[in-house]
Amino acid sequence: MEVLVWFKYQLLNFREAELLAVAGMLGVSESELDLRMPPGVAWPGTFRYATVPSEAVARQITERCALVSGMFEVWGGGLETVEALEADVRRRIGMGKGGPMGRYVGPGVEPYTFRFNVFGFGIAYTHTEKVAEMTETARYLDLSCGVVQLKDPDVTLWVHVSYGEEVMYRTAIQDRAEAAEEEEAGAETETETGGSGGGKGRRKRERKGELKNPQTAAEKEERARLVGSWRAKFVGREIALGQESNKAVGQLTLKNRAYLGPTSMTSQLSLLTCNMARVRGGTLVMDPFCGTGSILIWAAKLGAHVLGGDIDLLTLRGKALGEKGNKNVFDNFAQYGLPPPEIVRADNHMRPWTGARGGVSGDEGDPGWLDSIVADPPYGIRAGGRKSQAGGKRGVVGDIPEHRKKDHIPSTVGYPLVECIDDLMDTAAQMLRVGGRMAYWMPAVQGVTDSMPEHLASHPCLAHVSACEQMLACNISRFLVTVEKVKAWNPDTQATWDAHRASERPKPVYSCFDDGTALTLGERHRQKMAKAGTRNYLGRSKHV
């Protein structure tokens, strides 16, 4: 069946990739889903057409995705004119006796109950405008046998109207221009009268009121022109809304989390990471940089068995938080009633894990034992990467007295991000099952999306699935990169990978800057702080 997918207008580069990942997890391939842009909608608009095998699958996808607001059976879609929409509705569903909804309420059920919802992308409708839209749609749908019922109706109908981003941008530009003019006029009034001129907040409220509630003839004419300038309109029956995922994201928000760190990932991004890695119930998921457990919490929420590691023992053990007492990563799981995770102090550079057959992970013929790997490696700004090195900078290992062994913390040195990503690839190639996925985050410089694949480390056993960019402050962004294991590990592939790691490679995107220097983000940050004559905000002058 053909459905209209209604995306949220956020994290625009992630939406389609997440939908494809979740659909694939439910057995719907990319070709079967046939995700496409409807006529009259341009990227990054919120609407897409797709094909799903059943309503049950559509509900499962909607309930799981973090960025899908809903799915609707397509009854019709038209460009710029109501006549085109009405013709498409008649072509798709027909207009027999009693209208098209007899198919959904069962034979002999009359009258049926229904309700309408109206959504405009690029405009905020007034109540009067919504009623007018419902009335116009009801006219050509022939709902004469139905009864309006707002609570639990037999059928919920939606009218989605796309005005395109041009309307939003134009309105925003007009708002800014009008605000500047009013601010200038207010300043002149204040100078002349010695008063405040009414304040910026009041003028902003007045401007918004004029936009939605026009008073003069000119304002009403402009509003009518704006409402009538839609690009595409869709009519359909509601199958599912993304309320379950919204509710769960709200429940797991960081605001109420018992134990947090400086880099704890938000609830929505943690769900996105799990979706890209295709985490599901009964699978085994590992996070080698688990920290306070944000991503693993979502994996456990989805029913997976979770395993975490981190080199920072203080983060895992927790610190005293005043009246709340000594909290740690296990308290976060207990807070949500989730089973406790398996957490170990581990170094991703020197993996302690054994293989599926009891030998070293990655032995020839070892099938792998992990279904998914999720990771948010340290970038070197808020929390720098560390790896174990015997003896630290001195390189000399001394005997550890017996009474110190219990609380001994091995020496560590800086862990360059390039090496960290390479080690992650090695981990995925040796420990994932064939078909398993790894989703990890990495920093980058904005504006290099087109050249992204050539910079990514590529293991012979792995295939890159997607790289979704999230814009951050200044010229820095970060990517959620997803790879899938496509063939079993063997010594030959390892030899190829080792040769690739040892070779001269292009500068990674997370080390290249406009001035041509090749610095890690941490080095870049330290240089900026040194120029300002201050120490970094972590209070350490060396590794960030």
Protein backbone atom coordinates (compact mmCIF):
# COMPACT_ATOMS: atom_id res chain seq x y z
CA MET A 1 0.00 0.00 0.00
CA GLU A 2 1.15 3.54 -0.72
CA VAL A 3 1.61 5.76 2.31
CA LEU A 4 2.51 9.37 3.00
CA VAL A 5 5.40 9.66 5.47
CA TRP A 6 5.31 12.79 7.61
CA PHE A 7 8.80 13.56 8.91
CA LYS A 8 9.72 15.88 11.75
CA TYR A 9 11.44 19.05 10.63
CA GLN A 10 14.67 18.43 12.56
CA LEU A 11 17.94 16.56 11.97
CA LEU A 12 17.12 16.74 8.27
CA ASN A 13 20.05 14.61 7.09
CA PHE A 14 19.06 11.72 9.37
CA ARG A 15 15.40 11.20 8.52
CA GLU A 16 15.51 9.04 5.41
CA ALA A 17 18.53 7.03 6.60
CA GLU A 18 16.77 6.18 9.87
CA LEU A 19 13.57 5.18 8.05
CA LEU A 20 15.50 2.88 5.68
CA ALA A 21 17.37 1.29 8.60
CA VAL A 22 14.21 0.58 10.61
CA ALA A 23 12.32 -0.68 7.55
CA GLY A 24 15.23 -3.01 6.69
CA MET A 25 15.21 -4.34 10.25
CA LEU A 26 11.51 -5.23 9.73
CA GLY A 27 12.24 -7.03 6.46
CA VAL A 28 11.37 -4.24 3.99
CA SER A 29 14.26 -3.57 1.61
CA GLU A 30 15.13 -0.16 0.22
CA SER A 31 13.78 -1.09 -3.21
CA GLU A 32 10.52 -2.40 -1.71
CA LEU A 33 10.06 0.70 0.43
CA ASP A 34 10.54 2.90 -2.67
CA LEU A 35 10.96 6.11 -0.67
CA ARG A 36 10.43 9.07 -2.99
CA MET A 37 9.62 12.76 -3.07
CA PRO A 38 5.97 13.63 -3.85
CA PRO A 39 5.29 16.10 -6.67
CA GLY A 40 5.43 19.67 -5.42
CA VAL A 41 7.67 18.86 -2.43
CA ALA A 42 11.36 19.71 -2.50
CA TRP A 43 14.08 18.67 -0.05
CA PRO A 44 14.09 19.13 2.89
CA GLY A 45 10.28 19.14 2.99
CA THR A 46 8.59 16.94 5.57
CA PHE A 47 6.62 14.65 3.23
CA ARG A 48 7.63 11.51 1.31
CA TYR A 49 5.77 8.76 -0.51
CA ALA A 50 6.63 5.16 0.39
CA THR A 51 5.30 1.66 -0.15
CA VAL A 52 4.78 -0.71 2.78
CA PRO A 53 3.48 -4.31 2.73
CA SER A 54 0.82 -3.75 5.39
CA GLU A 55 -0.59 -1.35 7.95
CA ALA A 56 1.03 -3.38 10.73
CA VAL A 57 4.48 -2.71 9.28
CA ALA A 58 3.66 0.99 8.90
CA ARG A 59 2.71 1.14 12.59
CA GLN A 60 5.89 -0.64 13.66
CA ILE A 61 8.06 1.72 11.64
CA THR A 62 6.29 4.81 12.97
CA GLU A 63 6.44 3.69 16.59
CA ARG A 64 10.16 2.95 16.34
CA CYS A 65 11.51 5.93 14.36
CA ALA A 66 12.60 9.03 16.26
CA LEU A 67 12.04 11.37 13.29
CA VAL A 68 8.73 10.11 11.82
CA SER A 69 5.65 12.01 12.98
CA GLY A 70 3.17 9.70 11.27
CA MET A 71 2.14 7.55 8.31
CA PHE A 72 -1.08 7.90 6.32
CA GLU A 73 -2.76 5.92 3.59
CA VAL A 74 -2.69 8.12 0.51
CA TRP A 75 -6.14 8.98 -0.77
CA GLY A 76 -4.99 11.75 -3.05
CA GLY A 77 -2.37 14.37 -3.74
CA GLY A 78 -2.63 17.45 -5.93
CA LEU A 79 -0.49 20.34 -7.12
CA GLU A 80 -1.57 23.95 -6.58
CA THR A 81 -5.28 23.48 -7.37
CA VAL A 82 -8.16 21.79 -5.54
CA GLU A 83 -9.40 20.40 -8.87
CA ALA A 84 -6.15 18.45 -9.35
CA LEU A 85 -6.43 17.04 -5.83
CA GLU A 86 -10.07 16.03 -6.32
CA ALA A 87 -9.24 14.30 -9.60
CA ASP A 88 -6.45 12.33 -7.94
CA VAL A 89 -8.73 11.28 -5.08
CA ARG A 90 -11.31 9.96 -7.57
CA ARG A 91 -8.60 8.13 -9.49
CA ARG A 92 -7.13 6.46 -6.41
CA ILE A 93 -10.12 5.45 -4.28
CA GLY A 94 -13.25 6.10 -6.31
CA MET A 95 -16.36 7.85 -5.08
CA GLY A 96 -19.02 5.19 -4.69
CA LYS A 97 -22.16 5.32 -2.59
CA GLY A 98 -21.48 6.70 0.87
CA GLY A 99 -17.97 7.87 0.02
CA PRO A 100 -14.71 5.97 0.28
CA MET A 101 -14.78 5.07 3.97
CA GLY A 102 -17.10 2.09 3.88
CA ARG A 103 -13.98 -0.03 3.26
CA TYR A 104 -12.57 0.79 6.68
CA VAL A 105 -15.51 0.56 9.06
CA GLY A 106 -16.83 -2.85 8.03
CA PRO A 107 -20.01 -3.92 6.19
CA GLY A 108 -23.32 -2.80 7.56
CA VAL A 109 -21.80 -0.18 9.86
CA GLU A 110 -23.70 3.04 9.25
CA PRO A 111 -23.29 5.75 10.16
CA TYR A 112 -19.54 5.66 10.70
CA THR A 113 -17.64 8.18 12.80
CA PHE A 114 -14.73 10.31 11.67
CA ARG A 115 -12.71 13.39 12.49
CA PHE A 116 -10.45 15.78 10.57
CA ASN A 117 -6.98 17.12 11.28
CA VAL A 118 -5.22 19.79 9.20
CA PHE A 119 -1.47 20.44 9.12
CA GLY A 120 0.31 23.11 7.11
CA PHE A 121 4.06 22.95 6.50
CA GLY A 122 5.34 26.50 6.22
CA ILE A 123 2.33 28.22 7.73
CA ALA A 124 0.31 28.29 10.97
CA TYR A 125 -3.41 27.99 10.22
CA THR A 126 -6.03 29.82 12.24
CA HIS A 127 -9.07 27.89 13.47
CA THR A 128 -11.24 29.52 10.78
CA GLU A 129 -8.81 28.51 8.05
CA LYS A 130 -8.72 24.92 9.33
CA VAL A 131 -12.53 24.71 9.31
CA ALA A 132 -12.60 26.04 5.74
CA GLU A 133 -10.07 23.41 4.67
CA MET A 134 -12.08 20.62 6.32
CA THR A 135 -15.30 21.80 4.70
CA GLU A 136 -13.73 21.92 1.24
CA THR A 137 -12.25 18.42 1.65
CA ALA A 138 -15.50 16.94 2.98
CA ARG A 139 -17.31 18.27 -0.10
CA TYR A 140 -15.51 16.04 -2.58
CA LEU A 141 -15.02 13.08 -0.22
CA ASP A 142 -18.81 12.70 0.23
CA LEU A 143 -18.94 12.14 4.00
CA SER A 144 -22.71 12.50 4.19
CA CYS A 145 -23.14 9.09 5.85
CA GLY A 146 -20.61 9.86 8.57
CA VAL A 147 -20.90 11.45 11.99
CA VAL A 148 -18.16 13.65 13.46
CA GLN A 149 -16.66 12.21 16.62
CA LEU A 150 -13.50 13.75 18.07
CA LYS A 151 -12.65 10.94 20.48
CA ASP A 152 -11.87 7.43 19.17
CA PRO A 153 -13.55 7.73 15.75
CA ASP A 154 -13.64 4.89 13.22
CA VAL A 155 -11.47 6.88 10.81
CA THR A 156 -9.18 9.87 11.30
CA LEU A 157 -8.65 11.92 8.15
CA TRP A 158 -5.74 14.28 7.58
CA VAL A 159 -5.18 17.12 5.17
CA HIS A 160 -1.48 17.94 4.80
CA VAL A 161 -0.61 21.14 2.97
CA SER A 162 2.94 21.97 1.88
CA TYR A 163 3.81 25.61 1.29
CA GLY A 164 7.52 24.98 0.79
CA GLU A 165 10.41 26.59 2.55
CA GLU A 166 10.17 29.71 0.40
CA VAL A 167 7.13 30.87 2.39
CA MET A 168 8.91 30.29 5.71
CA TYR A 169 12.07 32.03 4.56
CA ARG A 170 10.15 34.96 3.08
CA THR A 171 8.08 35.35 6.23
CA ALA A 172 11.21 35.20 8.40
CA ILE A 173 12.95 37.83 6.26
CA GLN A 174 9.88 40.07 6.41
CA ASP A 175 9.71 39.62 10.18
CA ARG A 176 13.36 40.61 10.57
CA ALA A 177 12.95 43.63 8.29
CA GLU A 178 9.80 44.78 10.10
CA ALA A 179 11.45 44.22 13.47
CA ALA A 180 14.43 46.35 12.43
CA GLU A 181 12.13 49.14 11.19
CA GLU A 182 10.02 49.05 14.36
CA GLU A 183 13.10 48.97 16.57
CA GLU A 184 14.46 52.02 14.76
CA ALA A 185 11.10 53.78 15.04
CA GLY A 186 10.89 52.83 18.73
CA ALA A 187 14.36 54.23 19.36
CA GLU A 188 13.35 57.53 17.74
CA THR A 189 10.19 57.65 19.84
CA GLU A 190 12.19 56.92 22.97
CA THR A 191 14.61 59.72 22.15
CA GLU A 192 11.82 62.19 21.53
CA THR A 193 9.63 61.27 24.50
CA GLY A 194 12.14 59.83 26.94
CA GLY A 195 10.01 56.66 27.20
CA SER A 196 10.67 53.05 26.29
CA GLY A 197 8.50 53.01 23.16
CA GLY A 198 6.56 49.92 24.26
CA GLY A 199 9.36 47.33 24.21
CA LYS A 200 10.59 44.85 21.65
CA GLY A 201 8.46 41.98 23.04
CA ARG A 202 5.21 43.88 22.59
CA ARG A 203 6.06 44.82 18.99
CA LYS A 204 6.89 41.21 18.21
CA ARG A 205 3.55 40.03 19.63
CA GLU A 206 1.70 42.69 17.66
CA ARG A 207 3.47 41.68 14.45
CA LYS A 208 2.55 38.01 14.97
CA GLY A 209 -1.03 38.98 15.77
CA GLU A 210 -1.34 40.93 12.54
CA LEU A 211 0.02 37.94 10.60
CA LYS A 212 -2.52 35.44 11.99
CA ASN A 213 -5.41 37.82 12.71
CA PRO A 214 -5.43 40.47 9.98
CA GLN A 215 -7.62 43.51 10.63
CA THR A 216 -7.37 45.85 7.66
CA ALA A 217 -8.49 45.00 4.14
CA ALA A 218 -4.89 44.97 2.92
CA GLU A 219 -3.84 42.58 5.71
CA LYS A 220 -6.75 40.25 4.97
CA GLU A 221 -5.94 40.25 1.28
CA GLU A 222 -2.29 39.43 1.98
CA ARG A 223 -3.27 36.62 4.37
CA ALA A 224 -5.70 35.13 1.84
CA ARG A 225 -2.99 35.24 -0.83
CA LEU A 226 -0.52 33.53 1.51
CA VAL A 227 -2.98 30.76 2.48
CA GLY A 228 -3.85 30.14 -1.16
CA SER A 229 -0.24 29.87 -2.35
CA TRP A 230 0.26 26.23 -1.36
CA ARG A 231 2.46 23.96 -3.47
CA ALA A 232 1.01 20.51 -2.74
CA LYS A 233 -1.91 19.10 -0.78
CA PHE A 234 -2.45 15.53 0.42
CA VAL A 235 -5.56 13.81 1.76
CA GLY A 236 -5.29 10.50 3.58
CA ARG A 237 -6.34 8.21 6.40
CA GLU A 238 -4.26 8.06 9.56
CA ILE A 239 -2.49 4.74 10.08
CA ALA A 240 -0.15 5.63 12.93
CA LEU A 241 1.36 8.62 14.72
CA GLY A 242 4.81 8.61 16.28
CA GLN A 243 3.52 9.12 19.81
CA GLU A 244 5.19 6.07 21.34
CA SER A 245 8.72 7.11 20.38
CA ASN A 246 8.01 10.72 21.43
CA LYS A 247 6.80 9.53 24.82
CA ALA A 248 9.81 7.26 25.34
CA VAL A 249 12.26 9.99 24.29
CA GLY A 250 10.65 12.28 26.84
CA GLN A 251 10.82 9.64 29.57
CA LEU A 252 14.55 9.07 29.00
CA THR A 253 15.46 12.75 28.75
CA LEU A 254 18.74 13.89 30.27
CA LYS A 255 16.91 16.45 32.41
CA ASN A 256 15.86 13.76 34.86
CA ARG A 257 18.85 11.42 34.48
CA ALA A 258 20.38 10.28 37.79
CA TYR A 259 24.00 10.34 36.62
CA LEU A 260 25.40 12.53 33.84
CA GLY A 261 28.77 13.35 32.34
CA PRO A 262 29.97 16.26 30.18
CA THR A 263 29.36 14.30 26.96
CA SER A 264 26.19 12.32 27.79
CA MET A 265 24.22 11.92 24.56
CA THR A 266 20.65 13.18 24.34
CA SER A 267 17.76 10.74 24.38
CA GLN A 268 16.72 11.39 20.77
CA LEU A 269 20.24 10.99 19.35
CA SER A 270 20.74 7.81 21.40
CA LEU A 271 17.58 6.32 19.86
CA LEU A 272 18.78 7.39 16.40
CA THR A 273 22.12 5.64 16.97
CA CYS A 274 20.35 2.44 18.04
CA ASN A 275 18.04 2.58 15.03
CA MET A 276 20.92 3.00 12.59
CA ALA A 277 22.66 0.00 14.20
CA ARG A 278 19.37 -1.96 13.99
CA VAL A 279 19.24 -2.72 17.71
CA ARG A 280 16.28 -4.94 18.58
CA GLY A 281 15.04 -7.27 21.29
CA GLY A 282 17.19 -10.30 22.10
CA THR A 283 20.32 -9.05 20.32
CA LEU A 284 23.73 -8.41 21.89
CA VAL A 285 24.91 -4.80 21.72
CA MET A 286 28.22 -3.31 22.80
CA ASP A 287 29.38 0.27 23.36
CA PRO A 288 33.19 0.43 23.78
CA PHE A 289 32.97 4.07 24.97
CA CYS A 290 29.86 3.75 27.12
CA GLY A 291 30.58 6.58 29.61
CA THR A 292 27.37 7.20 31.55
CA GLY A 293 25.46 4.71 29.37
CA SER A 294 23.16 7.01 27.37
CA ILE A 295 23.13 4.87 24.20
CA LEU A 296 23.08 1.57 26.09
CA ILE A 297 20.05 2.74 28.08
CA TRP A 298 18.09 3.00 24.84
CA ALA A 299 19.45 -0.35 23.64
CA ALA A 300 18.24 -1.96 26.87
CA LYS A 301 14.90 -0.15 26.51
CA LEU A 302 14.54 -1.80 23.09
CA GLY A 303 15.08 -5.24 24.65
CA ALA A 304 18.74 -5.87 23.77
CA HIS A 305 21.37 -7.39 26.03
CA VAL A 306 23.95 -4.67 26.57
CA LEU A 307 27.69 -4.73 27.19
CA GLY A 308 29.79 -1.63 27.78
CA GLY A 309 33.38 -0.68 28.27
CA ASP A 310 35.21 2.52 29.07
CA ILE A 311 38.78 3.35 29.99
CA ASP A 312 37.75 6.08 32.44
CA LEU A 313 37.32 4.29 35.75
CA LEU A 314 36.10 7.42 37.53
CA THR A 315 33.22 7.77 35.05
CA LEU A 316 32.16 4.16 35.55
CA ARG A 317 32.43 4.21 39.34
CA GLY A 318 30.73 7.57 39.66
CA LYS A 319 31.39 10.62 41.75
CA ALA A 320 29.68 12.07 44.80
CA LEU A 321 26.85 14.41 43.76
CA GLY A 322 26.01 16.18 47.01
CA GLU A 323 22.63 15.18 48.45
CA LYS A 324 22.02 12.59 45.76
CA GLY A 325 24.97 10.56 47.02
CA ASN A 326 27.39 8.57 44.97
CA LYS A 327 25.75 7.86 41.61
CA ASN A 328 27.15 5.79 38.75
CA VAL A 329 26.16 4.32 35.41
CA PHE A 330 24.21 1.46 37.03
CA ASP A 331 21.90 3.95 38.76
CA ASN A 332 20.78 5.21 35.35
CA PHE A 333 19.53 1.75 34.40
CA ALA A 334 17.89 1.21 37.78
CA GLN A 335 16.14 4.59 37.42
CA TYR A 336 14.20 3.33 34.37
CA GLY A 337 13.63 -0.21 35.65
CA LEU A 338 16.04 -1.69 33.10
CA PRO A 339 18.21 -4.77 33.74
CA PRO A 340 21.75 -3.85 34.80
CA PRO A 341 24.34 -3.84 32.01
CA GLU A 342 27.61 -5.73 31.84
CA ILE A 343 30.18 -2.95 32.26
CA VAL A 344 33.96 -3.40 32.38
CA ARG A 345 36.89 -1.06 32.45
CA ALA A 346 38.34 -1.71 29.01
CA ASP A 347 40.61 -0.09 26.44
CA ASN A 348 39.35 -0.19 22.86
CA HIS A 349 42.97 -0.09 21.67
CA MET A 350 43.78 -3.31 23.55
CA ARG A 351 40.52 -5.27 23.43
CA PRO A 352 39.98 -7.77 26.25
CA TRP A 353 37.07 -9.54 24.55
CA THR A 354 37.26 -13.19 23.54
CA GLY A 355 35.79 -14.68 20.40
CA ALA A 356 32.54 -16.57 19.97
CA ARG A 357 34.41 -19.88 20.23
CA GLY A 358 36.45 -18.99 23.27
CA GLY A 359 39.61 -17.93 21.46
CA VAL A 360 40.85 -14.46 20.66
CA SER A 361 38.13 -12.44 18.98
CA GLY A 362 38.85 -12.49 15.27
CA ASP A 363 40.46 -15.94 15.06
CA GLU A 364 40.15 -17.48 11.60
CA GLY A 365 36.73 -19.05 11.22
CA ASP A 366 35.29 -17.18 14.19
CA PRO A 367 31.74 -16.14 13.16
CA GLY A 368 31.66 -13.08 15.42
CA TRP A 369 29.36 -12.69 18.39
CA LEU A 370 27.98 -9.15 18.43
CA ASP A 371 24.82 -8.07 16.61
CA SER A 372 25.43 -4.33 16.92
CA ILE A 373 28.10 -1.90 18.04
CA VAL A 374 27.18 1.66 19.02
CA ALA A 375 29.82 4.22 19.87
CA ASP A 376 30.32 7.89 20.60
CA PRO A 377 34.14 8.07 20.73
CA PRO A 378 35.90 10.95 22.52
CA TYR A 379 36.55 13.79 20.08
CA GLY A 380 39.26 15.57 22.07
CA ILE A 381 37.36 18.75 23.08
CA ARG A 382 35.18 18.13 26.13
CA ALA A 383 36.60 14.69 26.81
CA GLY A 384 39.83 13.53 25.23
CA GLY A 385 40.55 9.99 24.15
CA ARG A 386 42.97 7.93 26.21
CA LYS A 387 44.58 4.54 25.63
CA SER A 388 46.64 2.30 27.83
CA GLN A 389 50.40 2.43 27.64
CA ALA A 390 52.66 0.69 30.11
CA GLY A 391 54.75 3.11 32.12
CA GLY A 392 53.16 6.19 30.59
CA LYS A 393 55.65 8.59 28.98
CA ARG A 394 58.59 6.94 30.72
CA GLY A 395 57.85 3.61 29.06
CA VAL A 396 59.12 1.79 32.16
CA VAL A 397 56.93 -0.66 34.02
CA GLY A 398 57.60 -1.17 37.70
CA ASP A 399 56.26 -3.77 40.09
CA ILE A 400 52.94 -2.82 41.65
CA PRO A 401 52.88 -3.32 45.42
CA GLU A 402 50.29 -5.83 46.59
CA HIS A 403 48.40 -3.31 48.71
CA ARG A 404 47.97 -1.00 45.68
CA LYS A 405 46.73 -3.55 43.14
CA LYS A 406 43.07 -3.27 44.15
CA ASP A 407 42.78 0.42 43.28
CA HIS A 408 45.55 0.62 40.73
CA ILE A 409 44.72 2.58 37.56
CA PRO A 410 47.05 1.74 34.65
CA SER A 411 48.94 4.55 32.93
CA THR A 412 47.38 6.09 29.82
CA VAL A 413 48.44 8.36 27.00
CA GLY A 414 46.58 10.39 24.38
CA TYR A 415 44.46 8.46 21.87
CA PRO A 416 44.35 10.23 18.47
CA LEU A 417 40.93 10.13 16.87
CA VAL A 418 42.34 8.72 13.61
CA GLU A 419 43.70 5.74 15.50
CA CYS A 420 40.49 5.44 17.51
CA ILE A 421 38.33 5.20 14.37
CA ASP A 422 40.72 2.64 12.85
CA ASP A 423 40.50 0.54 16.01
CA LEU A 424 36.71 0.75 15.88
CA MET A 425 36.76 -0.60 12.33
CA ASP A 426 39.02 -3.43 13.45
CA THR A 427 36.67 -4.20 16.34
CA ALA A 428 33.62 -4.31 14.07
CA ALA A 429 35.33 -6.49 11.46
CA GLN A 430 36.38 -9.08 14.04
CA MET A 431 33.52 -9.07 16.52
CA LEU A 432 30.32 -8.40 14.54
CA ARG A 433 28.34 -11.19 12.98
CA VAL A 434 27.98 -11.00 9.21
CA GLY A 435 25.05 -8.64 8.64
CA GLY A 436 25.66 -6.87 11.95
CA ARG A 437 25.99 -3.10 12.03
CA MET A 438 28.10 -0.49 13.78
CA ALA A 439 26.92 3.10 14.19
CA TYR A 440 29.46 5.59 15.52
CA TRP A 441 29.86 9.36 15.75
CA MET A 442 32.82 11.33 14.44
CA PRO A 443 33.54 15.07 14.15
CA ALA A 444 34.06 16.86 10.86
CA VAL A 445 34.37 20.25 9.25
CA GLN A 446 31.18 21.57 7.69
CA GLY A 447 30.92 21.65 3.92
CA VAL A 448 32.76 18.43 3.09
CA THR A 449 29.79 16.10 2.76
CA ASP A 450 30.47 15.34 -0.91
CA SER A 451 34.00 14.14 -0.19
CA MET A 452 33.03 12.26 2.95
CA PRO A 453 33.36 8.64 1.67
CA GLU A 454 36.95 9.03 0.51
CA HIS A 455 38.01 10.16 3.98
CA LEU A 456 36.29 7.39 5.91
CA ALA A 457 38.33 4.39 7.03
CA SER A 458 37.19 1.36 5.04
CA HIS A 459 37.86 -2.19 6.26
CA PRO A 460 37.64 -4.97 3.61
CA CYS A 461 35.02 -6.78 5.73
CA LEU A 462 32.80 -3.71 6.12
CA ALA A 463 30.57 -1.70 3.79
CA HIS A 464 29.55 1.87 4.50
CA VAL A 465 25.79 2.34 4.72
CA SER A 466 25.36 6.05 5.47
CA ALA A 467 26.97 9.15 6.94
CA CYS A 468 24.45 11.65 8.38
CA GLU A 469 25.69 15.12 9.29
CA GLN A 470 24.58 17.10 12.35
CA MET A 471 25.57 20.78 12.31
CA LEU A 472 27.20 22.06 15.48
CA ALA A 473 28.67 25.43 16.46
CA CYS A 474 30.94 27.48 14.16
CA ASN A 475 32.31 25.40 11.29
CA ILE A 476 32.28 22.10 13.16
CA SER A 477 29.77 19.32 12.64
CA ARG A 478 29.64 15.63 13.37
CA PHE A 479 28.57 12.58 11.43
CA LEU A 480 26.70 9.49 12.50
CA VAL A 481 28.44 6.87 10.36
CA THR A 482 26.91 3.43 9.84
CA VAL A 483 28.80 0.40 8.51
CA GLU A 484 27.67 -3.19 7.99
CA LYS A 485 29.75 -6.34 8.08
CA VAL A 486 29.44 -7.98 4.67
CA LYS A 487 31.95 -10.85 4.87
CA ALA A 488 33.69 -12.93 7.49
CA TRP A 489 37.07 -11.94 8.88
CA ASN A 490 40.16 -13.89 7.85
CA PRO A 491 43.95 -13.31 8.00
CA ASP A 492 44.05 -12.05 4.39
CA THR A 493 41.55 -9.28 5.05
CA GLN A 494 43.42 -8.39 8.22
CA ALA A 495 46.69 -8.13 6.30
CA THR A 496 45.00 -5.82 3.78
CA TRP A 497 43.63 -3.68 6.61
CA ASP A 498 46.98 -3.50 8.41
CA ALA A 499 48.66 -2.36 5.19
CA HIS A 500 45.95 0.29 4.74
CA ARG A 501 46.48 1.59 8.28
CA ALA A 502 50.23 1.83 7.74
CA SER A 503 49.92 3.63 4.39
CA GLU A 504 49.86 7.37 3.76
CA ARG A 505 46.23 8.42 3.61
CA PRO A 506 44.47 11.73 2.93
CA LYS A 507 43.95 13.96 5.92
CA PRO A 508 40.71 12.95 7.61
CA VAL A 509 37.88 15.48 7.52
CA TYR A 510 38.01 15.87 11.27
CA SER A 511 41.63 17.13 11.03
CA CYS A 512 41.46 19.55 8.08
CA PHE A 513 40.79 23.26 8.60
CA ASP A 514 40.44 26.28 6.36
CA ASP A 515 44.01 27.41 6.99
CA GLY A 516 45.39 24.10 5.71
CA THR A 517 46.74 22.88 9.04
CA ALA A 518 46.23 19.28 10.09
CA LEU A 519 45.28 19.37 13.76
CA THR A 520 42.96 17.28 15.87
CA LEU A 521 40.02 19.13 17.37
CA GLY A 522 41.65 19.03 20.80
CA GLU A 523 44.87 20.57 19.47
CA ARG A 524 42.88 23.22 17.66
CA HIS A 525 40.98 24.03 20.85
CA ARG A 526 44.16 24.22 22.95
CA GLN A 527 45.75 26.60 20.45
CA LYS A 528 42.72 28.91 20.60
CA MET A 529 42.80 28.86 24.40
CA ALA A 530 46.54 29.51 24.43
CA LYS A 531 46.08 32.53 22.15
CA ALA A 532 43.48 33.90 24.54
CA GLY A 533 45.92 33.40 27.41
CA THR A 534 43.61 31.08 29.33
CA ARG A 535 43.51 27.42 30.27
CA ASN A 536 40.82 25.20 28.82
CA TYR A 537 37.56 24.85 30.68
CA LEU A 538 38.42 21.40 31.98
CA GLY A 539 41.19 22.98 34.04
CA ARG A 540 43.96 20.93 32.38
CA SER A 541 46.72 22.43 30.31
CA LYS A 542 47.64 19.28 28.38
CA HIS A 543 45.30 16.64 26.96
CA VAL A 544 41.73 17.86 26.58
